[in-house]
Amino acid sequence: MTRGNQREMDRLKAQKKATAAKGKPKESAASLQQRREKDAAALREKQKKKEEEAAQAAAGGGGKK
């Protein structure tokens, strides 16, 4: 079995992947920080909603499980 063609195909695939990655702009530190803050706020809001639902279920006689 020869692997020459497989190696060549892998080289071409890696080269194509590397050139595609070069075209993508990297995320700046400021935008990364903004995205993290936005994600954290969304998670806090979701957690608050869950806690309110749990409090209502407890006040309402146990609720469903």
C-alpha atoms as a PDB file:
ATOM      1  CA  MET A   1       0.000   0.000   0.000  1.00  0.00           C
ATOM      2  CA  THR A   2       1.277   3.412  -0.870  1.00  0.00           C
ATOM      3  CA  ARG A   3       0.492   6.419   1.198  1.00  0.00           C
ATOM      4  CA  GLY A   4       1.958   9.098  -1.023  1.00  0.00           C
ATOM      5  CA  ASN A   5      -1.407  10.254  -2.295  1.00  0.00           C
ATOM      6  CA  GLN A   6      -2.907  10.287   1.188  1.00  0.00           C
ATOM      7  CA  ARG A   7      -0.045  12.429   2.485  1.00  0.00           C
ATOM      8  CA  GLU A   8      -0.395  14.817  -0.420  1.00  0.00           C
ATOM      9  CA  MET A   9      -4.135  15.121   0.156  1.00  0.00           C
ATOM     10  CA  ASP A  10      -3.542  15.799   3.865  1.00  0.00           C
ATOM     11  CA  ARG A  11      -1.001  18.502   2.992  1.00  0.00           C
ATOM     12  CA  LEU A  12      -3.475  20.184   0.654  1.00  0.00           C
ATOM     13  CA  LYS A  13      -6.220  19.969   3.255  1.00  0.00           C
ATOM     14  CA  ALA A  14      -3.977  21.473   5.949  1.00  0.00           C
ATOM     15  CA  GLN A  15      -2.850  24.235   3.600  1.00  0.00           C
ATOM     16  CA  LYS A  16      -6.445  25.073   2.704  1.00  0.00           C
ATOM     17  CA  LYS A  17      -7.406  25.147   6.384  1.00  0.00           C
ATOM     18  CA  ALA A  18      -4.469  27.421   7.225  1.00  0.00           C
ATOM     19  CA  THR A  19      -5.326  29.913   4.496  1.00  0.00           C
ATOM     20  CA  ALA A  20      -8.974  29.962   5.593  1.00  0.00           C
ATOM     21  CA  ALA A  21      -7.920  30.715   9.171  1.00  0.00           C
ATOM     22  CA  LYS A  22      -5.771  33.640   8.037  1.00  0.00           C
ATOM     23  CA  GLY A  23      -8.768  35.382   6.503  1.00  0.00           C
ATOM     24  CA  LYS A  24     -10.741  35.452   9.745  1.00  0.00           C
ATOM     25  CA  PRO A  25     -10.187  38.531  11.893  1.00  0.00           C
ATOM     26  CA  LYS A  26      -9.173  37.799  15.442  1.00  0.00           C
ATOM     27  CA  GLU A  27     -11.411  38.988  18.220  1.00  0.00           C
ATOM     28  CA  SER A  28      -9.971  41.978  20.049  1.00  0.00           C
ATOM     29  CA  ALA A  29      -9.558  41.940  23.807  1.00  0.00           C
ATOM     30  CA  ALA A  30     -12.209  44.647  24.203  1.00  0.00           C
ATOM     31  CA  SER A  31     -14.841  42.790  22.196  1.00  0.00           C
ATOM     32  CA  LEU A  32     -13.959  39.551  23.974  1.00  0.00           C
ATOM     33  CA  GLN A  33     -14.496  41.259  27.327  1.00  0.00           C
ATOM     34  CA  GLN A  34     -17.822  42.704  26.141  1.00  0.00           C
ATOM     35  CA  ARG A  35     -18.983  39.290  24.960  1.00  0.00           C
ATOM     36  CA  ARG A  36     -18.028  37.725  28.288  1.00  0.00           C
ATOM     37  CA  GLU A  37     -19.931  40.416  30.195  1.00  0.00           C
ATOM     38  CA  LYS A  38     -22.986  39.952  27.973  1.00  0.00           C
ATOM     39  CA  ASP A  39     -22.884  36.171  28.453  1.00  0.00           C
ATOM     40  CA  ALA A  40     -22.489  36.552  32.221  1.00  0.00           C
ATOM     41  CA  ALA A  41     -25.453  38.932  32.379  1.00  0.00           C
ATOM     42  CA  ALA A  42     -27.590  36.481  30.416  1.00  0.00           C
ATOM     43  CA  LEU A  43     -26.635  33.647  32.774  1.00  0.00           C
ATOM     44  CA  ARG A  44     -27.405  35.776  35.844  1.00  0.00           C
ATOM     45  CA  GLU A  45     -30.825  36.636  34.397  1.00  0.00           C
ATOM     46  CA  LYS A  46     -31.516  32.971  33.678  1.00  0.00           C
ATOM     47  CA  GLN A  47     -30.473  31.973  37.201  1.00  0.00           C
ATOM     48  CA  LYS A  48     -32.669  34.693  38.723  1.00  0.00           C
ATOM     49  CA  LYS A  49     -35.662  33.446  36.734  1.00  0.00           C
ATOM     50  CA  LYS A  50     -35.061  29.859  37.904  1.00  0.00           C
ATOM     51  CA  GLU A  51     -34.840  30.986  41.533  1.00  0.00           C
ATOM     52  CA  GLU A  52     -38.111  32.931  41.212  1.00  0.00           C
ATOM     53  CA  GLU A  53     -39.831  29.895  39.710  1.00  0.00           C
ATOM     54  CA  ALA A  54     -38.505  27.704  42.510  1.00  0.00           C
ATOM     55  CA  ALA A  55     -39.722  30.196  45.127  1.00  0.00           C
ATOM     56  CA  GLN A  56     -43.193  30.271  43.538  1.00  0.00           C
ATOM     57  CA  ALA A  57     -43.324  26.488  43.464  1.00  0.00           C
ATOM     58  CA  ALA A  58     -42.316  26.295  47.116  1.00  0.00           C
ATOM     59  CA  ALA A  59     -44.893  28.922  48.117  1.00  0.00           C
ATOM     60  CA  GLY A  60     -47.571  27.229  46.081  1.00  0.00           C
ATOM     61  CA  GLY A  61     -47.466  23.944  47.953  1.00  0.00           C
ATOM     62  CA  GLY A  62     -44.506  22.200  46.413  1.00  0.00           C
ATOM     63  CA  GLY A  63     -45.452  22.329  42.773  1.00  0.00           C
ATOM     64  CA  LYS A  64     -44.351  19.740  40.217  1.00  0.00           C
ATOM     65  CA  LYS A  65     -41.106  17.843  40.187  1.00  0.00           C
END
